[in-house]
Amino acid sequence: MTTDRMRRVNEAVRQVLSDAVTHDLKDPRIGFVTVTDVKTSPDLRHSRVYVSVLGTDAEREDTMAGLASAHGPLQRRLARELRMKHTPMLEFVADDTASRAGRIEELLRSAPPDQPIDRGAGEE
């Protein structure tokens, strides 16, 4: 369960990091990145930052490596702008929601139109 305070913290962290990634980072490895979500631990010590990266698998890997190496400057900017008692340690995680959604759409389009949809076992 996420409290209203944690939602506000997560959104503030997401906004600051999104702005920093798009405007401040000069690492050539970092491609087109969107910060999609942030989950901060209740003690505010750790934040898992979900990012969506456009490009090939190699470009995604390079971008994730670039973000990991930019951890320090991003954390300093977060500390400066949010002025929290503890600045969370950042962990960048690739968000593959868009690719999974695309795969599901592809499967639905390729299914025969007269075939019933299997809703899974256990639903009677």
Protein backbone atom coordinates (compact mmCIF):
# COMPACT_ATOMS: atom_id res chain seq x y z
CA MET A 1 0.00 0.00 0.00
CA THR A 2 1.38 3.36 -1.01
CA THR A 3 0.53 6.36 1.11
CA ASP A 4 -0.27 9.75 -0.33
CA ARG A 5 3.07 11.05 0.98
CA MET A 6 4.98 8.26 -0.78
CA ARG A 7 3.11 8.96 -4.02
CA ARG A 8 4.16 12.61 -3.80
CA VAL A 9 7.78 11.65 -3.07
CA ASN A 10 7.83 9.18 -5.99
CA GLU A 11 6.36 11.76 -8.37
CA ALA A 12 8.81 14.47 -7.24
CA VAL A 13 11.77 12.10 -7.72
CA ARG A 14 10.42 11.07 -11.15
CA GLN A 15 10.06 14.70 -12.26
CA VAL A 16 13.55 15.74 -11.13
CA LEU A 17 15.22 12.69 -12.68
CA SER A 18 13.25 13.00 -15.91
CA ASP A 19 14.35 16.61 -16.30
CA ALA A 20 17.95 15.80 -15.38
CA VAL A 21 18.19 12.85 -17.79
CA THR A 22 16.75 14.79 -20.73
CA HIS A 23 18.62 18.08 -20.17
CA ASP A 24 21.75 17.60 -18.07
CA LEU A 25 23.41 14.32 -18.97
CA LYS A 26 25.98 14.54 -21.75
CA ASP A 27 26.98 10.86 -21.84
CA PRO A 28 26.85 9.73 -25.50
CA ARG A 29 25.76 6.24 -24.40
CA ILE A 30 22.45 7.57 -23.11
CA GLY A 31 19.83 7.48 -25.83
CA PHE A 32 16.16 8.41 -25.80
CA VAL A 33 15.03 7.69 -22.22
CA THR A 34 11.70 8.16 -20.50
CA VAL A 35 11.44 7.85 -16.72
CA THR A 36 8.18 5.93 -16.42
CA ASP A 37 7.90 5.29 -12.68
CA VAL A 38 9.71 5.52 -9.36
CA LYS A 39 9.21 3.31 -6.31
CA THR A 40 10.87 4.63 -3.15
CA SER A 41 11.26 2.54 -0.02
CA PRO A 42 9.26 3.73 3.02
CA ASP A 43 12.49 4.76 4.80
CA LEU A 44 13.43 6.91 1.75
CA ARG A 45 16.83 5.20 1.48
CA HIS A 46 16.35 3.51 -1.92
CA SER A 47 14.51 4.40 -5.12
CA ARG A 48 13.95 2.02 -7.97
CA VAL A 49 13.72 4.14 -11.13
CA TYR A 50 11.94 2.52 -14.07
CA VAL A 51 13.06 3.78 -17.47
CA SER A 52 11.86 3.06 -20.97
CA VAL A 53 14.57 3.20 -23.63
CA LEU A 54 13.95 3.34 -27.37
CA GLY A 55 16.38 1.54 -29.63
CA THR A 56 18.06 -1.79 -30.18
CA ASP A 57 19.06 -4.15 -27.38
CA ALA A 58 22.66 -2.88 -27.60
CA GLU A 59 21.49 0.75 -27.35
CA ARG A 60 19.34 -0.14 -24.33
CA GLU A 61 22.29 -1.82 -22.63
CA ASP A 62 24.50 1.21 -23.34
CA THR A 63 21.85 3.56 -22.00
CA MET A 64 21.43 1.53 -18.81
CA ALA A 65 25.23 1.53 -18.33
CA GLY A 66 25.30 5.31 -18.90
CA LEU A 67 22.54 5.86 -16.37
CA ALA A 68 24.31 3.68 -13.81
CA SER A 69 27.51 5.69 -14.27
CA ALA A 70 25.56 8.98 -13.94
CA HIS A 71 24.21 7.84 -10.58
CA GLY A 72 26.29 10.36 -8.59
CA PRO A 73 25.35 13.55 -10.47
CA LEU A 74 21.70 12.48 -10.59
CA GLN A 75 21.64 11.82 -6.86
CA ARG A 76 23.29 15.20 -6.14
CA ARG A 77 20.69 16.98 -8.25
CA LEU A 78 17.95 15.10 -6.43
CA ALA A 79 19.41 16.14 -3.07
CA ARG A 80 19.73 19.77 -4.16
CA GLU A 81 16.22 20.09 -5.58
CA LEU A 82 14.17 18.04 -3.11
CA ARG A 83 16.04 18.82 0.11
CA MET A 84 15.07 15.57 1.77
CA LYS A 85 16.57 14.35 5.03
CA HIS A 86 17.90 11.28 3.19
CA THR A 87 18.52 11.23 -0.54
CA PRO A 88 17.60 7.79 -1.83
CA MET A 89 20.16 5.59 -3.57
CA LEU A 90 19.07 5.22 -7.18
CA GLU A 91 18.67 1.90 -8.96
CA PHE A 92 17.77 2.08 -12.65
CA VAL A 93 15.56 -0.70 -14.01
CA ALA A 94 14.55 -1.20 -17.64
CA ASP A 95 10.77 -0.91 -18.01
CA ASP A 96 9.67 -3.30 -20.73
CA THR A 97 5.94 -2.61 -20.40
CA ALA A 98 5.68 -1.08 -23.88
CA SER A 99 7.36 -4.05 -25.58
CA ARG A 100 5.20 -6.53 -23.63
CA ALA A 101 2.06 -4.61 -24.60
CA GLY A 102 3.16 -4.67 -28.24
CA ARG A 103 3.72 -8.42 -28.07
CA ILE A 104 0.24 -8.97 -26.57
CA GLU A 105 -1.34 -6.85 -29.32
CA GLU A 106 0.56 -8.84 -31.95
CA LEU A 107 -0.69 -12.12 -30.47
CA LEU A 108 -4.28 -10.87 -30.33
CA ARG A 109 -4.14 -9.72 -33.96
CA SER A 110 -2.74 -13.07 -35.10
CA ALA A 111 -5.40 -15.13 -33.27
CA PRO A 112 -8.18 -16.50 -35.47
CA PRO A 113 -11.29 -14.31 -35.07
CA ASP A 114 -13.64 -17.22 -34.40
CA GLN A 115 -11.47 -18.79 -31.71
CA PRO A 116 -12.70 -18.17 -28.13
CA ILE A 117 -10.26 -16.52 -25.77
CA ASP A 118 -8.90 -18.86 -23.09
CA ARG A 119 -9.36 -17.03 -19.80
CA GLY A 120 -7.04 -19.39 -17.94
CA ALA A 121 -7.50 -22.40 -15.75
CA GLY A 122 -9.41 -22.12 -12.52
CA GLU A 123 -12.04 -19.67 -13.73
CA GLU A 124 -15.30 -21.57 -13.86
